[in-house]
C-alpha atoms as a PDB file:
ATOM      1  CA  MET A   1     107.126  90.866 102.470  1.00  0.00           C
ATOM      2  CA  GLY A   2     104.321  88.589 101.234  1.00  0.00           C
ATOM      3  CA  GLN A   3     104.132  85.008 102.399  1.00  0.00           C
ATOM      4  CA  ARG A   4     102.779  82.554  99.832  1.00  0.00           C
ATOM      5  CA  GLY A   5     100.728  79.582 101.003  1.00  0.00           C
ATOM      6  CA  ARG A   6      99.851  81.334 104.281  1.00  0.00           C
ATOM      7  CA  ASN A   7      98.249  79.047 106.860  1.00  0.00           C
ATOM      8  CA  ARG A   8      97.646  81.578 109.622  1.00  0.00           C
ATOM      9  CA  PRO A   9      97.312  85.362 109.959  1.00  0.00           C
ATOM     10  CA  GLY A  10     100.538  87.229 110.562  1.00  0.00           C
ATOM     11  CA  GLY A  11     101.525  89.151 113.646  1.00  0.00           C
ATOM     12  CA  SER A  12     103.239  92.491 114.111  1.00  0.00           C
ATOM     13  CA  ALA A  13     104.635  93.885 117.345  1.00  0.00           C
ATOM     14  CA  ARG A  14     104.605  97.371 115.788  1.00  0.00           C
ATOM     15  CA  ALA A  15     101.623  99.292 114.514  1.00  0.00           C
ATOM     16  CA  LEU A  16     101.139  98.518 110.824  1.00  0.00           C
ATOM     17  CA  SER A  17     101.464 102.231 110.035  1.00  0.00           C
ATOM     18  CA  GLU A  18     104.994 102.032 111.433  1.00  0.00           C
ATOM     19  CA  ALA A  19     105.957  98.635 110.038  1.00  0.00           C
ATOM     20  CA  TYR A  20     105.113  99.601 106.414  1.00  0.00           C
ATOM     21  CA  ASP A  21     106.071 102.760 104.539  1.00  0.00           C
ATOM     22  CA  THR A  22     103.059 102.945 102.210  1.00  0.00           C
ATOM     23  CA  ALA A  23      99.434 101.868 102.477  1.00  0.00           C
ATOM     24  CA  LEU A  24      97.969 100.935  99.092  1.00  0.00           C
ATOM     25  CA  LEU A  25      94.345 101.522  99.969  1.00  0.00           C
ATOM     26  CA  ASP A  26      91.338 100.344  98.019  1.00  0.00           C
ATOM     27  CA  LEU A  27      88.519 102.889  98.075  1.00  0.00           C
ATOM     28  CA  ASP A  28      85.045 101.347  97.650  1.00  0.00           C
ATOM     29  CA  GLY A  29      84.285  99.375 100.777  1.00  0.00           C
ATOM     30  CA  VAL A  30      87.451 100.505 102.579  1.00  0.00           C
ATOM     31  CA  VAL A  31      87.524 104.315 102.709  1.00  0.00           C
ATOM     32  CA  TYR A  32      83.986 105.037 101.533  1.00  0.00           C
ATOM     33  CA  ALA A  33      80.780 103.387 100.356  1.00  0.00           C
ATOM     34  CA  GLY A  34      78.108 105.092  98.281  1.00  0.00           C
ATOM     35  CA  GLY A  35      80.019 108.367  98.448  1.00  0.00           C
ATOM     36  CA  GLU A  36      80.119 108.531 102.246  1.00  0.00           C
ATOM     37  CA  ALA A  37      83.126 107.834 104.454  1.00  0.00           C
ATOM     38  CA  ILE A  38      83.088 104.505 106.252  1.00  0.00           C
ATOM     39  CA  PRO A  39      82.975 104.910 110.053  1.00  0.00           C
ATOM     40  CA  ASN A  40      86.419 105.449 111.634  1.00  0.00           C
ATOM     41  CA  ALA A  41      88.145 105.757 108.235  1.00  0.00           C
ATOM     42  CA  VAL A  42      88.850 109.495 108.278  1.00  0.00           C
ATOM     43  CA  ASP A  43      90.384 109.571 111.764  1.00  0.00           C
ATOM     44  CA  ALA A  44      92.369 106.367 111.230  1.00  0.00           C
ATOM     45  CA  LEU A  45      93.884 107.606 107.976  1.00  0.00           C
ATOM     46  CA  ALA A  46      94.756 110.972 109.528  1.00  0.00           C
ATOM     47  CA  ALA A  47      96.561 109.246 112.389  1.00  0.00           C
ATOM     48  CA  ALA A  48      98.444 106.938 110.019  1.00  0.00           C
ATOM     49  CA  ARG A  49      99.468 109.876 107.811  1.00  0.00           C
ATOM     50  CA  ASP A  50     100.541 111.975 110.810  1.00  0.00           C
ATOM     51  CA  GLY A  51     102.698 109.052 111.919  1.00  0.00           C
ATOM     52  CA  GLY A  52     104.619 109.170 108.652  1.00  0.00           C
ATOM     53  CA  MET A  53     102.871 106.556 106.550  1.00  0.00           C
ATOM     54  CA  HIS A  54     102.359 107.448 102.875  1.00  0.00           C
ATOM     55  CA  LEU A  55      98.753 106.886 101.824  1.00  0.00           C
ATOM     56  CA  ALA A  56      98.035 105.896  98.221  1.00  0.00           C
ATOM     57  CA  TYR A  57      94.539 105.183  96.959  1.00  0.00           C
ATOM     58  CA  VAL A  58      94.336 102.287  94.505  1.00  0.00           C
ATOM     59  CA  THR A  59      91.017 101.599  92.847  1.00  0.00           C
ATOM     60  CA  ASN A  60      89.731  99.245  90.161  1.00  0.00           C
ATOM     61  CA  ASN A  61      86.951 101.757  89.471  1.00  0.00           C
ATOM     62  CA  ALA A  62      87.888 103.404  86.175  1.00  0.00           C
ATOM     63  CA  LEU A  63      84.961 105.833  86.076  1.00  0.00           C
ATOM     64  CA  ARG A  64      86.427 108.918  87.736  1.00  0.00           C
ATOM     65  CA  THR A  65      89.690 110.736  87.110  1.00  0.00           C
ATOM     66  CA  PRO A  66      92.408 110.901  89.790  1.00  0.00           C
ATOM     67  CA  ASP A  67      91.600 114.622  90.206  1.00  0.00           C
ATOM     68  CA  ALA A  68      87.942 113.823  90.871  1.00  0.00           C
ATOM     69  CA  VAL A  69      88.789 111.008  93.293  1.00  0.00           C
ATOM     70  CA  ALA A  70      91.259 113.204  95.171  1.00  0.00           C
ATOM     71  CA  ALA A  71      88.690 116.006  95.399  1.00  0.00           C
ATOM     72  CA  HIS A  72      86.094 113.591  96.776  1.00  0.00           C
ATOM     73  CA  LEU A  73      88.515 112.234  99.351  1.00  0.00           C
ATOM     74  CA  THR A  74      89.428 115.744 100.423  1.00  0.00           C
ATOM     75  CA  GLU A  75      85.734 116.633 100.812  1.00  0.00           C
ATOM     76  CA  LEU A  76      85.304 113.598 103.055  1.00  0.00           C
ATOM     77  CA  GLY A  77      88.142 114.813 105.284  1.00  0.00           C
ATOM     78  CA  VAL A  78      90.929 112.716 103.787  1.00  0.00           C
ATOM     79  CA  PRO A  79      93.330 115.205 102.169  1.00  0.00           C
ATOM     80  CA  ALA A  80      94.629 113.803  98.872  1.00  0.00           C
ATOM     81  CA  ALA A  81      96.205 114.987  95.639  1.00  0.00           C
ATOM     82  CA  ALA A  82      95.714 113.475  92.220  1.00  0.00           C
ATOM     83  CA  ALA A  83      99.199 111.948  92.426  1.00  0.00           C
ATOM     84  CA  ASP A  84      98.016 109.920  95.451  1.00  0.00           C
ATOM     85  CA  VAL A  85      95.377 108.127  93.359  1.00  0.00           C
ATOM     86  CA  ILE A  86      96.109 105.134  91.111  1.00  0.00           C
ATOM     87  CA  THR A  87      93.270 103.758  88.991  1.00  0.00           C
ATOM     88  CA  SER A  88      92.762 100.740  86.792  1.00  0.00           C
ATOM     89  CA  ALA A  89      92.168 103.208  83.953  1.00  0.00           C
ATOM     90  CA  GLN A  90      95.812 104.289  84.290  1.00  0.00           C
ATOM     91  CA  ALA A  91      96.974 100.677  84.390  1.00  0.00           C
ATOM     92  CA  VAL A  92      95.002  99.639  81.314  1.00  0.00           C
ATOM     93  CA  ALA A  93      96.090 102.765  79.404  1.00  0.00           C
ATOM     94  CA  ARG A  94      99.745 101.849  80.024  1.00  0.00           C
ATOM     95  CA  LEU A  95      99.009  98.269  78.936  1.00  0.00           C
ATOM     96  CA  ILE A  96      97.507  99.504  75.663  1.00  0.00           C
ATOM     97  CA  ALA A  97     100.268 102.059  75.078  1.00  0.00           C
ATOM     98  CA  ASP A  98     102.875  99.309  75.452  1.00  0.00           C
ATOM     99  CA  GLN A  99     101.282  97.501  72.473  1.00  0.00           C
ATOM    100  CA  LEU A 100     100.081 100.279  70.149  1.00  0.00           C
ATOM    101  CA  PRO A 101     101.785 103.272  68.511  1.00  0.00           C
ATOM    102  CA  ARG A 102     101.303 106.710  70.000  1.00  0.00           C
ATOM    103  CA  GLY A 103      98.234 108.394  68.509  1.00  0.00           C
ATOM    104  CA  SER A 104      96.305 105.129  68.048  1.00  0.00           C
ATOM    105  CA  ARG A 105      92.521 105.366  68.293  1.00  0.00           C
ATOM    106  CA  VAL A 106      90.883 103.498  71.145  1.00  0.00           C
ATOM    107  CA  LEU A 107      87.136 102.874  71.388  1.00  0.00           C
ATOM    108  CA  VAL A 108      86.104 103.757  74.949  1.00  0.00           C
ATOM    109  CA  ILE A 109      83.272 101.948  76.724  1.00  0.00           C
ATOM    110  CA  GLY A 110      83.254 103.673  80.084  1.00  0.00           C
ATOM    111  CA  GLY A 111      83.684 107.040  81.758  1.00  0.00           C
ATOM    112  CA  GLU A 112      85.920 110.076  81.771  1.00  0.00           C
ATOM    113  CA  GLY A 113      88.574 108.340  83.844  1.00  0.00           C
ATOM    114  CA  LEU A 114      89.399 106.101  80.886  1.00  0.00           C
ATOM    115  CA  ARG A 115      89.548 108.985  78.426  1.00  0.00           C
ATOM    116  CA  VAL A 116      91.907 111.017  80.595  1.00  0.00           C
ATOM    117  CA  ALA A 117      94.198 108.032  81.187  1.00  0.00           C
ATOM    118  CA  LEU A 118      94.359 107.236  77.462  1.00  0.00           C
ATOM    119  CA  ARG A 119      95.241 110.817  76.565  1.00  0.00           C
ATOM    120  CA  GLU A 120      97.961 110.755  79.238  1.00  0.00           C
ATOM    121  CA  ARG A 121      99.558 107.910  77.255  1.00  0.00           C
ATOM    122  CA  GLY A 122      99.195 109.659  73.897  1.00  0.00           C
ATOM    123  CA  LEU A 123      96.218 107.598  72.724  1.00  0.00           C
ATOM    124  CA  GLU A 124      93.069 109.038  71.094  1.00  0.00           C
ATOM    125  CA  PRO A 125      89.693 108.072  72.603  1.00  0.00           C
ATOM    126  CA  VAL A 126      86.867 107.483  70.099  1.00  0.00           C
ATOM    127  CA  GLU A 127      83.205 106.661  70.540  1.00  0.00           C
ATOM    128  CA  SER A 128      82.219 104.382  67.651  1.00  0.00           C
ATOM    129  CA  ALA A 129      83.282 101.085  66.129  1.00  0.00           C
ATOM    130  CA  ASP A 130      83.072 102.975  62.824  1.00  0.00           C
ATOM    131  CA  ASP A 131      85.932 105.286  63.884  1.00  0.00           C
ATOM    132  CA  ASP A 132      88.513 102.648  62.863  1.00  0.00           C
ATOM    133  CA  PRO A 133      89.781 101.964  66.417  1.00  0.00           C
ATOM    134  CA  ALA A 134      92.994 100.002  66.945  1.00  0.00           C
ATOM    135  CA  ALA A 135      91.728  98.757  70.319  1.00  0.00           C
ATOM    136  CA  VAL A 136      88.617  98.630  72.507  1.00  0.00           C
ATOM    137  CA  VAL A 137      88.838  99.418  76.207  1.00  0.00           C
ATOM    138  CA  GLN A 138      86.065  98.752  78.684  1.00  0.00           C
ATOM    139  CA  GLY A 139      85.793 100.173  82.211  1.00  0.00           C
ATOM    140  CA  TYR A 140      83.085 100.883  84.747  1.00  0.00           C
ATOM    141  CA  GLY A 141      80.836 103.578  83.316  1.00  0.00           C
ATOM    142  CA  GLY A 142      78.380 104.010  86.163  1.00  0.00           C
ATOM    143  CA  PRO A 143      74.858 102.659  86.585  1.00  0.00           C
ATOM    144  CA  ASP A 144      73.480 104.694  83.664  1.00  0.00           C
ATOM    145  CA  LEU A 145      75.860 103.472  80.936  1.00  0.00           C
ATOM    146  CA  PRO A 146      73.629 102.915  77.871  1.00  0.00           C
ATOM    147  CA  TRP A 147      73.129  99.345  76.643  1.00  0.00           C
ATOM    148  CA  GLY A 148      74.145 100.484  73.185  1.00  0.00           C
ATOM    149  CA  ARG A 149      77.733 100.984  74.350  1.00  0.00           C
ATOM    150  CA  PHE A 150      78.092  97.213  74.828  1.00  0.00           C
ATOM    151  CA  ALA A 151      76.846  96.702  71.273  1.00  0.00           C
ATOM    152  CA  GLU A 152      79.434  99.217  70.018  1.00  0.00           C
ATOM    153  CA  ALA A 153      82.212  97.271  71.747  1.00  0.00           C
ATOM    154  CA  SER A 154      80.868  93.987  70.368  1.00  0.00           C
ATOM    155  CA  TYR A 155      80.886  95.259  66.778  1.00  0.00           C
ATOM    156  CA  ALA A 156      84.593  96.130  66.999  1.00  0.00           C
ATOM    157  CA  VAL A 157      85.693  93.093  69.017  1.00  0.00           C
ATOM    158  CA  ALA A 158      83.865  90.732  66.654  1.00  0.00           C
ATOM    159  CA  ARG A 159      85.970  92.183  63.803  1.00  0.00           C
ATOM    160  CA  GLY A 160      89.143  91.189  65.654  1.00  0.00           C
ATOM    161  CA  VAL A 161      90.015  94.549  67.247  1.00  0.00           C
ATOM    162  CA  PRO A 162      92.095  93.915  70.421  1.00  0.00           C
ATOM    163  CA  TRP A 163      89.951  94.188  73.528  1.00  0.00           C
ATOM    164  CA  PHE A 164      91.122  95.464  76.915  1.00  0.00           C
ATOM    165  CA  ALA A 165      89.309  95.752  80.245  1.00  0.00           C
ATOM    166  CA  SER A 166      90.267  97.933  83.167  1.00  0.00           C
ATOM    167  CA  ASN A 167      89.127  95.218  85.575  1.00  0.00           C
ATOM    168  CA  THR A 168      86.666  92.363  85.904  1.00  0.00           C
ATOM    169  CA  ASP A 169      85.107  92.960  89.341  1.00  0.00           C
ATOM    170  CA  LEU A 170      81.655  91.449  89.054  1.00  0.00           C
ATOM    171  CA  THR A 171      80.258  93.638  91.840  1.00  0.00           C
ATOM    172  CA  ILE A 172      80.838  97.069  93.371  1.00  0.00           C
ATOM    173  CA  PRO A 173      79.719  98.312  96.815  1.00  0.00           C
ATOM    174  CA  SER A 174      77.200 101.148  96.870  1.00  0.00           C
ATOM    175  CA  GLY A 175      75.327 103.022  99.537  1.00  0.00           C
ATOM    176  CA  ARG A 176      72.282 100.799  98.863  1.00  0.00           C
ATOM    177  CA  GLY A 177      74.118  97.467  98.744  1.00  0.00           C
ATOM    178  CA  ILE A 178      76.125  95.452  96.219  1.00  0.00           C
ATOM    179  CA  ALA A 179      75.667  96.487  92.561  1.00  0.00           C
ATOM    180  CA  PRO A 180      76.944  95.043  89.248  1.00  0.00           C
ATOM    181  CA  GLY A 181      80.512  96.057  88.483  1.00  0.00           C
ATOM    182  CA  ASN A 182      82.598  96.267  85.324  1.00  0.00           C
ATOM    183  CA  GLY A 183      83.077  92.507  85.253  1.00  0.00           C
ATOM    184  CA  ALA A 184      79.357  92.058  84.706  1.00  0.00           C
ATOM    185  CA  ALA A 185      79.525  94.460  81.756  1.00  0.00           C
ATOM    186  CA  VAL A 186      82.582  92.649  80.377  1.00  0.00           C
ATOM    187  CA  GLU A 187      80.572  89.421  80.443  1.00  0.00           C
ATOM    188  CA  VAL A 188      77.987  91.009  78.122  1.00  0.00           C
ATOM    189  CA  VAL A 189      80.610  91.612  75.453  1.00  0.00           C
ATOM    190  CA  ARG A 190      82.259  88.253  76.068  1.00  0.00           C
ATOM    191  CA  ILE A 191      78.955  86.441  75.522  1.00  0.00           C
ATOM    192  CA  ALA A 192      78.234  88.446  72.372  1.00  0.00           C
ATOM    193  CA  THR A 193      81.660  87.874  70.794  1.00  0.00           C
ATOM    194  CA  GLY A 194      83.272  84.804  72.376  1.00  0.00           C
ATOM    195  CA  ALA A 195      86.445  86.895  72.810  1.00  0.00           C
ATOM    196  CA  GLU A 196      88.631  87.346  75.894  1.00  0.00           C
ATOM    197  CA  PRO A 197      89.952  90.766  76.983  1.00  0.00           C
ATOM    198  CA  GLN A 198      93.385  91.641  78.288  1.00  0.00           C
ATOM    199  CA  VAL A 199      92.761  92.799  81.869  1.00  0.00           C
ATOM    200  CA  ALA A 200      94.871  95.314  83.764  1.00  0.00           C
ATOM    201  CA  GLY A 201      93.230  95.829  87.173  1.00  0.00           C
ATOM    202  CA  LYS A 202      93.585  94.063  90.456  1.00  0.00           C
ATOM    203  CA  PRO A 203      94.493  91.280  91.058  1.00  0.00           C
ATOM    204  CA  LEU A 204      96.632  91.153  87.906  1.00  0.00           C
ATOM    205  CA  PRO A 205     100.276  92.308  87.606  1.00  0.00           C
ATOM    206  CA  PRO A 206      99.692  95.430  85.430  1.00  0.00           C
ATOM    207  CA  MET A 207      97.874  97.143  88.299  1.00  0.00           C
ATOM    208  CA  HIS A 208     100.548  96.250  90.837  1.00  0.00           C
ATOM    209  CA  ARG A 209     103.205  97.497  88.426  1.00  0.00           C
ATOM    210  CA  GLU A 210     101.355 100.776  87.902  1.00  0.00           C
ATOM    211  CA  THR A 211     100.975 101.266  91.649  1.00  0.00           C
ATOM    212  CA  ILE A 212     104.634 100.679  92.470  1.00  0.00           C
ATOM    213  CA  LEU A 213     105.795 102.890  89.573  1.00  0.00           C
ATOM    214  CA  ARG A 214     103.598 105.768  90.708  1.00  0.00           C
ATOM    215  CA  THR A 215     104.132 105.517  94.487  1.00  0.00           C
ATOM    216  CA  GLY A 216     107.745 104.362  94.743  1.00  0.00           C
ATOM    217  CA  ALA A 217     106.682 102.202  97.699  1.00  0.00           C
ATOM    218  CA  ARG A 218     109.515 100.133  99.196  1.00  0.00           C
ATOM    219  CA  ARG A 219     107.558  98.276 101.877  1.00  0.00           C
ATOM    220  CA  PRO A 220     103.906  98.493 100.853  1.00  0.00           C
ATOM    221  CA  LEU A 221     100.857  97.138 102.643  1.00  0.00           C
ATOM    222  CA  VAL A 222      97.810  96.443 100.476  1.00  0.00           C
ATOM    223  CA  VAL A 223      94.592  97.327 102.301  1.00  0.00           C
ATOM    224  CA  GLY A 224      91.303  96.074 100.873  1.00  0.00           C
ATOM    225  CA  ASP A 225      87.883  94.549 101.430  1.00  0.00           C
ATOM    226  CA  ARG A 226      87.854  91.979  98.613  1.00  0.00           C
ATOM    227  CA  LEU A 227      89.614  88.650  98.630  1.00  0.00           C
ATOM    228  CA  ASP A 228      89.563  88.137  94.855  1.00  0.00           C
ATOM    229  CA  THR A 229      91.035  91.523  93.909  1.00  0.00           C
ATOM    230  CA  ASP A 230      92.815  93.290  96.779  1.00  0.00           C
ATOM    231  CA  ILE A 231      94.174  90.270  98.620  1.00  0.00           C
ATOM    232  CA  GLU A 232      94.900  88.212  95.520  1.00  0.00           C
ATOM    233  CA  GLY A 233      96.613  91.257  94.020  1.00  0.00           C
ATOM    234  CA  ALA A 234      98.881  91.459  97.067  1.00  0.00           C
ATOM    235  CA  PHE A 235      99.580  87.721  96.734  1.00  0.00           C
ATOM    236  CA  ASN A 236     100.507  88.112  93.074  1.00  0.00           C
ATOM    237  CA  GLY A 237     102.792  91.035  93.942  1.00  0.00           C
ATOM    238  CA  ASP A 238     104.277  89.119  96.901  1.00  0.00           C
ATOM    239  CA  VAL A 239     103.476  91.896  99.370  1.00  0.00           C
ATOM    240  CA  ASP A 240     101.604  91.856 102.682  1.00  0.00           C
ATOM    241  CA  SER A 241      97.925  92.706 103.001  1.00  0.00           C
ATOM    242  CA  LEU A 242      95.319  93.861 105.503  1.00  0.00           C
ATOM    243  CA  LEU A 243      91.697  92.818 104.969  1.00  0.00           C
ATOM    244  CA  VAL A 244      89.090  95.100 106.536  1.00  0.00           C
ATOM    245  CA  LEU A 245      85.580  93.779 107.109  1.00  0.00           C
ATOM    246  CA  THR A 246      83.779  96.933 105.959  1.00  0.00           C
ATOM    247  CA  GLY A 247      82.982  95.924 102.392  1.00  0.00           C
ATOM    248  CA  VAL A 248      82.477  92.781 100.347  1.00  0.00           C
ATOM    249  CA  ALA A 249      84.278  89.997 102.263  1.00  0.00           C
ATOM    250  CA  ASP A 250      82.787  88.646 105.473  1.00  0.00           C
ATOM    251  CA  ALA A 251      84.182  86.403 108.197  1.00  0.00           C
ATOM    252  CA  ALA A 252      82.848  83.160 106.673  1.00  0.00           C
ATOM    253  CA  GLN A 253      84.487  83.961 103.311  1.00  0.00           C
ATOM    254  CA  VAL A 254      87.814  84.641 105.018  1.00  0.00           C
ATOM    255  CA  LEU A 255      87.741  81.227 106.682  1.00  0.00           C
ATOM    256  CA  ALA A 256      87.020  79.516 103.338  1.00  0.00           C
ATOM    257  CA  ALA A 257      89.698  81.474 101.477  1.00  0.00           C
ATOM    258  CA  LEU A 258      92.038  79.819  98.992  1.00  0.00           C
ATOM    259  CA  PRO A 259      95.760  80.392  99.580  1.00  0.00           C
ATOM    260  CA  GLN A 260      95.907  83.360  97.196  1.00  0.00           C
ATOM    261  CA  HIS A 261      92.978  84.971  99.031  1.00  0.00           C
ATOM    262  CA  ARG A 262      94.386  84.723 102.565  1.00  0.00           C
ATOM    263  CA  PRO A 263      95.331  88.117 103.999  1.00  0.00           C
ATOM    264  CA  THR A 264      98.378  88.707 106.148  1.00  0.00           C
ATOM    265  CA  TYR A 265      96.240  90.579 108.636  1.00  0.00           C
ATOM    266  CA  VAL A 266      92.500  90.943 109.247  1.00  0.00           C
ATOM    267  CA  ASP A 267      90.778  93.715 111.170  1.00  0.00           C
ATOM    268  CA  ALA A 268      87.366  95.323 111.554  1.00  0.00           C
ATOM    269  CA  ASP A 269      88.192  98.587 109.784  1.00  0.00           C
ATOM    270  CA  LEU A 270      91.027 101.005 109.065  1.00  0.00           C
ATOM    271  CA  ARG A 271      91.802 101.412 112.752  1.00  0.00           C
ATOM    272  CA  GLY A 272      93.762  98.217 112.219  1.00  0.00           C
ATOM    273  CA  LEU A 273      96.513 100.340 110.654  1.00  0.00           C
ATOM    274  CA  LEU A 274      97.162 101.981 114.016  1.00  0.00           C
ATOM    275  CA  THR A 275      97.765  98.874 116.078  1.00  0.00           C
ATOM    276  CA  GLY A 276      99.975  95.851 116.133  1.00  0.00           C
ATOM    277  CA  GLN A 277      98.544  92.502 115.199  1.00  0.00           C
ATOM    278  CA  PRO A 278      98.604  89.605 117.696  1.00  0.00           C
ATOM    279  CA  GLU A 279     100.499  86.438 116.852  1.00  0.00           C
ATOM    280  CA  VAL A 280      98.516  83.228 116.437  1.00  0.00           C
ATOM    281  CA  GLY A 281     100.187  80.347 118.230  1.00  0.00           C
ATOM    282  CA  GLY A 282      99.610  76.633 118.483  1.00  0.00           C
ATOM    283  CA  THR A 283      99.313  73.648 116.174  1.00  0.00           C
ATOM    284  CA  ALA A 284      96.594  71.570 114.578  1.00  0.00           C
ATOM    285  CA  GLU A 285      96.986  68.957 117.305  1.00  0.00           C
ATOM    286  CA  GLU A 286      96.720  71.302 120.279  1.00  0.00           C
ATOM    287  CA  GLY A 287      94.582  74.004 118.679  1.00  0.00           C
ATOM    288  CA  PHE A 288      95.408  77.524 117.521  1.00  0.00           C
ATOM    289  CA  ARG A 289      95.462  80.319 120.115  1.00  0.00           C
ATOM    290  CA  CYS A 290      94.913  84.055 119.794  1.00  0.00           C
ATOM    291  CA  GLY A 291      93.968  86.269 122.703  1.00  0.00           C
ATOM    292  CA  GLY A 292      91.743  84.236 124.967  1.00  0.00           C
ATOM    293  CA  TRP A 293      90.498  81.922 122.211  1.00  0.00           C
ATOM    294  CA  THR A 294      91.531  78.460 121.020  1.00  0.00           C
ATOM    295  CA  ALA A 295      90.287  77.186 117.676  1.00  0.00           C
ATOM    296  CA  ALA A 296      90.391  73.601 116.458  1.00  0.00           C
ATOM    297  CA  VAL A 297      88.809  71.163 114.018  1.00  0.00           C
ATOM    298  CA  ARG A 298      86.330  68.763 115.563  1.00  0.00           C
ATOM    299  CA  GLY A 299      84.746  66.309 113.178  1.00  0.00           C
ATOM    300  CA  ASP A 300      83.398  68.256 110.234  1.00  0.00           C
ATOM    301  CA  ALA A 301      83.259  71.619 112.024  1.00  0.00           C
ATOM    302  CA  LEU A 302      85.427  74.410 113.364  1.00  0.00           C
ATOM    303  CA  ALA A 303      85.197  74.741 117.143  1.00  0.00           C
ATOM    304  CA  LEU A 304      86.074  77.721 119.323  1.00  0.00           C
ATOM    305  CA  ASP A 305      86.749  77.677 123.067  1.00  0.00           C
ATOM    306  CA  GLY A 306      87.564  80.506 125.449  1.00  0.00           C
ATOM    307  CA  ASP A 307      86.634  84.164 125.471  1.00  0.00           C
ATOM    308  CA  GLY A 308      87.933  87.494 124.290  1.00  0.00           C
ATOM    309  CA  GLY A 309      87.718  89.900 121.395  1.00  0.00           C
ATOM    310  CA  ALA A 310      85.881  88.785 118.270  1.00  0.00           C
ATOM    311  CA  LEU A 311      88.804  89.546 115.968  1.00  0.00           C
ATOM    312  CA  ASP A 312      91.172  87.413 118.009  1.00  0.00           C
ATOM    313  CA  GLY A 313      88.678  84.570 117.730  1.00  0.00           C
ATOM    314  CA  LEU A 314      88.481  85.045 113.972  1.00  0.00           C
ATOM    315  CA  ARG A 315      92.275  85.009 113.676  1.00  0.00           C
ATOM    316  CA  ALA A 316      92.459  81.732 115.618  1.00  0.00           C
ATOM    317  CA  LEU A 317      89.718  80.259 113.417  1.00  0.00           C
ATOM    318  CA  CYS A 318      91.594  81.326 110.302  1.00  0.00           C
ATOM    319  CA  ALA A 319      94.651  79.401 111.423  1.00  0.00           C
ATOM    320  CA  ALA A 320      92.599  76.270 112.069  1.00  0.00           C
ATOM    321  CA  ALA A 321      90.643  76.554 108.808  1.00  0.00           C
ATOM    322  CA  TRP A 322      93.615  77.409 106.548  1.00  0.00           C
ATOM    323  CA  THR A 323      95.809  74.693 108.027  1.00  0.00           C
ATOM    324  CA  TYR A 324      93.057  72.127 107.545  1.00  0.00           C
ATOM    325  CA  ALA A 325      92.373  73.268 103.987  1.00  0.00           C
ATOM    326  CA  GLY A 326      96.010  73.391 102.868  1.00  0.00           C
ATOM    327  CA  ASP A 327      95.986  74.423  99.215  1.00  0.00           C
ATOM    328  CA  GLY A 328      92.205  74.258  98.959  1.00  0.00           C
ATOM    329  CA  SER A 329      89.156  75.997 100.358  1.00  0.00           C
ATOM    330  CA  CYS A 330      87.962  75.108 103.852  1.00  0.00           C
ATOM    331  CA  THR A 331      84.546  73.443 103.709  1.00  0.00           C
ATOM    332  CA  LEU A 332      84.162  72.831 107.442  1.00  0.00           C
ATOM    333  CA  ASP A 333      81.016  74.097 109.158  1.00  0.00           C
ATOM    334  CA  ALA A 334      81.934  77.359 110.885  1.00  0.00           C
ATOM    335  CA  GLY A 335      78.434  78.506 111.803  1.00  0.00           C
ATOM    336  CA  LYS A 336      78.507  77.856 115.552  1.00  0.00           C
ATOM    337  CA  ALA A 337      82.032  79.192 115.968  1.00  0.00           C
ATOM    338  CA  LEU A 338      81.244  82.404 114.132  1.00  0.00           C
ATOM    339  CA  ALA A 339      77.981  82.823 116.014  1.00  0.00           C
ATOM    340  CA  ARG A 340      80.005  82.882 119.249  1.00  0.00           C
ATOM    341  CA  LEU A 341      81.858  85.884 117.830  1.00  0.00           C
ATOM    342  CA  GLY A 342      78.715  87.685 116.724  1.00  0.00           C
ATOM    343  CA  TRP A 343      79.026  86.881 112.991  1.00  0.00           C
END
C-alpha cells in the first residue's frame, strides 16, 4: 500500500489493473474534460474492466448527482451505474449528518448533487438564510451560480451557523481551459465572514472514508490528475496512486512535488493502467536510471543523459529531484532536462 516520504516512483512487474482490485478514478481531467472523453480513456477503462478491475469514479465536483454522472459516463462509452460514482457531495452530507439530528435544515449553496446527497442522509435542503438552517453547505454550482448565493451563505455563517464545504479545489478543468472551482467560491464567503468551513472532499479523510465505505475496495489505486487533491488524498489514506498527465498537473510540477504530492506511478494517460511500471534504479551519487535514461543533479540543475521514452526520463528525473528535495520541494532548474523529453 501507500509509501510515505516517497523519493522515487514505484515499479510494478504486473499491469496495474492486475496488481490492484479497484481503481478510484477522478473524472475531470482524467476520464473527461469539458464533457468529452479524454483520448484513450474509453478503451483503456474497458480493457481494465474486462480484466477484472473494479472501476469507481470519485469526484470532488458536487454539482451533478451520481445518476447524472453515471449516465454521462455511459454516453461517453464508459458503462457505469450510480453506485459506481462517489462524490464530495455524498462525503460532506455524511459529515453533516454525523453532527446534526436527522431532519435538520441545511442551506445549500450549489447544485442538485448536494440536495440529493443531503436527502439521502435525512437532511432537509433549504434556500435562504432566513429558513433557520442548522448548517450551511457549499459545493460547486456551475459557472452560472448567482452571486447572491454567496451573500446568502455569508448571512448565515456570520450568525455562527456551522459551515461545510464539499471541497476547496481552486480550479476545475473545462473544455476551454482551467476555470474557477468551488475553492474560489469558498474564498468569497471566507473573506466576507472570516470563518473557516469543515471540508469533506479530496484530499481530506472524509472523502477517502466515503469512497472505501461505498466501494469495499481492499487494494485500491487512486488515479488522478491533481497533486493537491488526488495524490495528496491517496497519501492521507496511505494507498498507492497513479498520476496521469491529461489534466492539471504537468511534468515540472511533478518534479517539484512535496512528499505528500508524489505519486506512486506516473503515466501519460489511462493506458498506464494496462501496463507494468518500470523500476527506477541507482543512487544520488551514480545517478538514477529508468529505461535508457540517467538523471542526476549537477550544480543547481537536473541533468538527463541517454535516450528512450519520455516517461522513463521523467521517472528518472523524479527520483533525482525528490531525493535531492527530501521533505521539501525541489527548486532545481529542470528546464533543459524536460525540454529533452518534449515538455
